[in-house]
Protein backbone atom coordinates (compact mmCIF):
# COMPACT_ATOMS: atom_id res chain seq x y z
CA MET A 1 81.68 171.63 237.13
CA LEU A 2 78.15 169.67 236.83
CA GLN A 3 77.17 167.95 233.73
CA GLY A 4 74.01 166.27 232.64
CA CYS A 5 70.89 168.26 232.98
CA ARG A 6 71.75 171.59 234.05
CA LEU A 7 70.52 173.00 237.35
CA LEU A 8 66.81 173.50 238.34
CA ARG A 9 64.45 174.93 240.70
CA LEU A 10 60.82 173.52 240.05
CA LEU A 11 58.45 174.45 242.73
CA ARG A 12 55.92 171.37 242.41
CA PHE A 13 57.75 168.59 240.28
CA ASN A 14 61.41 166.99 240.33
CA ARG A 15 61.42 166.69 236.76
CA CYS A 16 64.19 167.33 234.10
CA ASP A 17 62.05 170.19 232.11
CA ASP A 18 64.79 168.64 228.87
CA CYS A 19 63.17 165.40 229.23
CA GLN A 20 60.45 164.79 232.11
CA ARG A 21 62.16 162.37 233.42
CA PRO A 22 63.24 162.33 237.47
CA CYS A 23 66.46 163.75 238.17
CA HIS A 24 68.84 162.65 241.44
CA THR A 25 67.61 165.86 244.16
CA ARG A 26 69.26 167.59 246.77
CA GLN A 27 66.12 169.71 248.17
CA SER A 28 64.26 171.92 245.51
CA THR A 29 67.83 171.78 243.67
CA ILE A 30 67.80 169.20 240.57
CA PHE A 31 70.83 167.99 239.07
CA THR A 32 73.05 164.80 238.21
CA THR A 33 76.97 164.18 238.62
CA GLN A 34 76.82 161.81 235.11
CA LYS A 35 78.91 162.01 231.95
CA GLY A 36 75.49 162.56 229.55
CA PRO A 37 72.14 162.75 230.79
CA HIS A 38 70.49 160.20 232.89
CA ASP A 39 73.99 157.86 232.14
CA MET A 40 74.07 155.92 235.54
CA ALA A 41 77.69 156.92 237.08
CA PHE A 42 79.90 153.82 237.22
CA HIS A 43 83.35 153.76 239.52
CA GLU A 44 86.51 152.02 237.91
CA VAL A 45 87.10 150.32 241.86
CA ARG A 46 86.98 147.36 242.71
CA PHE A 47 85.42 146.21 246.00
CA PRO A 48 88.48 145.08 248.60
CA PRO A 49 88.39 141.40 247.57
CA THR A 50 89.57 140.59 250.82
CA LEU A 51 86.09 141.21 251.78
CA SER A 52 84.55 139.58 248.68
CA PHE A 53 86.64 136.68 249.42
CA GLY A 54 84.09 134.35 251.19
CA ALA A 55 80.90 136.07 250.05
CA LEU A 56 77.75 134.59 249.50
CA GLY A 57 76.48 134.88 246.52
CA GLY A 58 76.06 134.10 241.98
CA PRO A 59 73.84 134.07 239.31
CA GLU A 60 70.22 134.58 239.47
CA ARG A 61 67.44 133.99 236.67
CA ARG A 62 63.71 134.79 236.28
CA THR A 63 61.52 132.13 235.50
CA GLU A 64 57.95 132.73 234.92
CA ILE A 65 56.27 129.51 235.15
CA VAL A 66 52.27 129.37 234.27
CA GLU A 67 50.50 126.22 235.49
CA LEU A 68 47.64 125.11 233.13
CA ALA A 69 43.87 123.61 233.70
CA ASN A 70 45.26 120.14 232.60
CA GLY A 71 48.67 120.15 234.84
CA PHE A 72 50.50 120.82 231.75
CA GLU A 73 52.79 123.78 232.60
CA GLU A 74 54.10 126.92 230.08
CA ARG A 75 57.52 128.76 231.05
CA ASN A 76 59.27 131.84 229.63
CA THR A 77 61.84 134.33 231.06
CA PRO A 78 62.23 137.94 229.89
CA TRP A 79 65.65 138.07 230.65
CA MET A 80 68.41 137.18 228.55
CA ALA A 81 70.91 137.01 230.49
CA SER A 82 71.22 136.27 233.85
CA ARG A 83 72.12 138.41 236.80
CA ARG A 84 74.36 137.85 239.86
CA ARG A 85 73.37 138.77 243.55
CA TYR A 86 75.97 138.86 246.26
CA ASP A 87 75.91 139.12 250.08
CA ALA A 88 79.28 141.38 251.21
CA GLY A 89 78.55 140.88 254.70
CA THR A 90 79.34 137.53 254.67
CA GLY A 91 83.31 138.13 253.57
CA LEU A 92 83.41 140.75 256.92
CA ARG A 93 86.09 138.94 259.56
CA LYS A 94 87.53 142.09 261.58
CA LEU A 95 86.65 145.21 263.03
CA ASP A 96 88.87 146.49 260.39
CA ASP A 97 87.17 145.03 257.83
CA LEU A 98 83.43 147.25 259.06
CA GLU A 99 85.70 150.60 258.57
CA LEU A 100 86.50 149.21 255.12
CA LEU A 101 83.46 148.69 254.33
CA ILE A 102 81.64 152.17 255.48
CA ALA A 103 84.16 153.84 253.77
CA PHE A 104 83.64 152.41 250.50
CA PHE A 105 79.96 152.30 250.82
CA GLU A 106 80.39 156.05 251.26
CA ALA A 107 82.41 156.50 248.40
CA ARG A 108 79.84 155.12 246.09
CA ALA A 109 76.87 157.22 247.68
CA GLY A 110 75.59 154.00 248.54
CA ARG A 111 73.30 152.82 245.84
CA LEU A 112 74.46 155.40 243.30
CA HIS A 113 77.81 154.92 242.07
CA GLY A 114 78.56 151.32 240.73
CA PHE A 115 82.02 149.71 241.15
CA ARG A 116 83.98 146.68 240.18
CA TRP A 117 83.38 143.02 242.29
CA LYS A 118 85.56 140.24 241.66
CA ASP A 119 83.48 137.45 242.10
CA TRP A 120 86.13 134.40 243.66
CA GLY A 121 84.48 131.45 242.04
CA ASP A 122 83.62 132.87 238.83
CA TYR A 123 86.51 135.58 237.59
CA ARG A 124 88.72 133.57 234.83
CA SER A 125 88.21 132.70 231.23
CA ALA A 126 89.92 129.44 232.18
CA PRO A 127 88.79 126.26 234.33
CA ALA A 128 90.32 126.98 238.04
CA SER A 129 92.77 124.15 237.42
CA ARG A 130 94.52 125.13 234.01
CA PRO A 131 96.46 128.77 233.31
CA ILE A 132 95.04 131.36 231.32
CA THR A 133 96.16 131.26 227.84
CA GLY A 134 94.79 133.19 224.34
CA PHE A 135 92.53 130.15 223.36
CA ASP A 136 90.70 130.11 226.71
CA GLN A 137 87.41 131.46 224.82
CA LEU A 138 85.77 132.35 221.21
CA LEU A 139 85.38 136.00 220.34
CA GLY A 140 84.00 135.24 216.85
CA HIS A 141 85.82 134.86 212.93
CA GLY A 142 87.58 137.69 211.51
CA ASP A 143 85.52 139.29 208.31
CA GLY A 144 88.72 141.19 206.78
CA VAL A 145 87.41 144.57 207.84
CA SER A 146 86.16 144.43 211.74
CA ARG A 147 88.77 145.19 213.99
CA SER A 148 87.29 145.35 217.49
CA PHE A 149 85.27 142.62 219.39
CA ALA A 150 83.66 142.34 222.30
CA LEU A 151 84.74 139.62 224.92
CA ARG A 152 82.85 136.92 226.23
CA LYS A 153 82.75 133.51 228.27
CA GLY A 154 80.91 130.16 227.28
CA TYR A 155 78.96 128.25 229.97
CA ALA A 156 78.64 124.99 227.84
CA SER A 157 76.75 121.91 229.53
CA GLY A 158 75.15 119.05 227.15
CA ALA A 159 74.28 120.65 223.63
CA GLN A 160 73.72 124.45 224.82
CA THR A 161 76.35 127.14 225.31
CA TYR A 162 75.30 130.54 227.39
CA TRP A 163 77.46 133.41 225.82
CA ARG A 164 78.33 135.86 228.85
CA LYS A 165 79.34 139.64 227.96
CA ILE A 166 82.22 140.34 229.72
CA THR A 167 82.79 144.39 230.02
CA LYS A 168 84.86 144.93 233.06
CA PRO A 169 88.52 142.60 232.14
CA VAL A 170 91.22 143.15 234.82
CA ALA A 171 93.54 145.74 233.13
CA GLY A 172 96.71 143.67 232.16
CA SER A 173 95.51 140.04 231.80
CA LEU A 174 93.80 140.18 228.65
CA ARG A 175 95.65 137.73 226.13
CA ALA A 176 94.74 136.98 222.33
CA ALA A 177 95.16 134.52 219.40
CA VAL A 178 94.24 134.96 215.87
CA GLY A 179 94.24 131.52 214.32
CA GLU A 180 96.96 129.55 215.87
CA THR A 181 98.65 132.17 216.58
CA GLU A 182 99.28 134.22 220.20
CA LEU A 183 99.45 138.04 219.76
CA ALA A 184 101.40 140.67 221.89
CA LEU A 185 99.55 142.88 224.55
CA GLY A 186 99.82 146.35 223.52
CA GLU A 187 101.53 146.03 220.10
CA ASP A 188 99.26 143.59 218.13
CA VAL A 189 96.42 143.85 220.23
CA SER A 190 94.51 146.44 223.15
CA VAL A 191 91.54 145.82 225.27
CA ASP A 192 89.51 148.87 226.91
CA ALA A 193 89.22 147.43 230.44
CA ALA A 194 85.98 149.62 231.33
CA SER A 195 83.86 148.20 227.52
CA GLY A 196 85.87 144.81 227.27
CA ILE A 197 86.00 145.67 223.70
CA VAL A 198 89.22 143.88 221.88
CA THR A 199 90.93 145.97 218.91
CA PHE A 200 93.47 144.16 217.06
CA LYS A 201 95.88 145.87 215.16
CA ARG A 202 95.15 145.12 211.62
CA ALA A 203 92.15 143.30 210.47
CA PRO A 204 92.33 139.62 210.80
CA GLU A 205 91.36 137.59 208.05
CA THR A 206 88.14 136.32 206.50
CA GLY A 207 86.89 132.80 208.42
CA THR A 208 90.03 133.41 211.35
CA GLU A 209 88.84 132.46 214.90
CA LEU A 210 89.47 135.05 217.34
CA ARG A 211 90.12 133.87 220.73
CA ALA A 212 91.09 135.25 223.95
CA GLY A 213 91.75 134.69 227.51
CA PHE A 214 91.04 137.49 230.91
CA GLU A 215 90.19 137.89 234.30
CA PHE A 216 87.00 140.27 234.77
CA ASP A 217 85.14 141.40 237.35
CA VAL A 218 81.46 142.05 237.88
CA PRO A 219 80.02 145.54 237.34
CA VAL A 220 77.89 145.95 240.37
CA ARG A 221 76.56 148.35 242.71
CA PHE A 222 75.07 148.53 246.45
CA ASP A 223 71.47 147.43 246.76
CA SER A 224 70.74 149.00 249.82
CA ASP A 225 70.75 152.75 250.87
CA LEU A 226 71.34 151.70 254.05
CA LEU A 227 74.08 149.86 256.16
CA GLN A 228 72.89 148.71 259.43
CA LEU A 229 76.40 147.59 261.06
CA SER A 230 76.74 146.87 265.34
CA VAL A 231 80.09 145.97 266.76
CA ALA A 232 78.75 144.23 269.53
CA SER A 233 76.43 141.84 267.37
CA PHE A 234 79.52 141.59 265.08
CA ARG A 235 81.77 140.34 268.18
CA ALA A 236 78.91 137.86 268.98
CA GLY A 237 79.65 136.33 265.57
CA GLU A 238 76.08 138.06 263.68
CA VAL A 239 76.83 138.93 260.10
CA PRO A 240 75.35 142.26 258.83
CA LYS A 241 73.46 141.86 255.37
CA VAL A 242 74.94 144.00 252.90
CA PRO A 243 73.60 143.23 249.23
CA VAL A 244 74.91 143.63 246.34
CA ILE A 245 73.84 143.19 242.77
CA GLU A 246 75.08 143.25 239.36
CA VAL A 247 74.02 146.15 236.68
CA ARG A 248 73.88 145.68 233.02
CA ALA A 249 76.02 146.94 230.87
C-alpha cells in the first residue's frame, strides 16, 4: 500500500492538494512511495564495494568569491558541511561489472532512491595505519542525563577542526568508550546503523569524555537518470560516466 500523499487525479496541475508541492507522477496519477509526505526514500543497501573501489571522487565545497574594485576580495560559503561526489564508472573493470551496475541502478530507480557508498579513501574513524579503537573520535561529554549521542569524525589541520556528521555507520563495527573504559557493544552501548545515533545503557556522568571508533558509509544517490553504456566502447578502454552525489542526512 502506497503511503505519503494520497492518490490524486488532477487535470491541470501535478500537485498534491494537501501541501501544494509536486509529487512523483505516473501519467495523471500522483503518488509517493515514501514513509511520509515528501520524505526522500533511502535504501539501506551498499553499492557493490568492488565497483566503488577505484572510483574517482571526494569532498566538494562551495565558495562564493567577490573581487572588489581595490583588488581585495571577499569570500563566503552557503555550505556549513562539505558534500561528496564520485564517478562510479571509473571502478568498472569487466563486463560483469556493467551488468551489476545496471541491476543496482534499476533497483534504485535512477535518482529516486538513495543508497550507501563505501569511500575507500575515507571510511574509518582511525588512520589507515592504525586499528579502530573505542577512543578514536570524541562524541561529546556526559551530562548525567543524556544517553544518546551522534557519531562524528574530526578532520584537524593546524588550529582548525572540521567535524563531519556520520549517519551511516557499518553495522557491527562500533567500539565505544566512556572515560578510559571501553564498553561492550550490545550490552553497554548500541548504535542505530540507519542514523548514526549511539545510545548508552546508562547516562554517562557529567564531564566524562565519550568516544567511539567505527567504519562508515556515505549516503548517496545517482546524479543522473540516464546510464549510457556501450560494450564496444568499454572493450576499447572507454570508461562510462556514472555520477554519484552525497545526500544530506
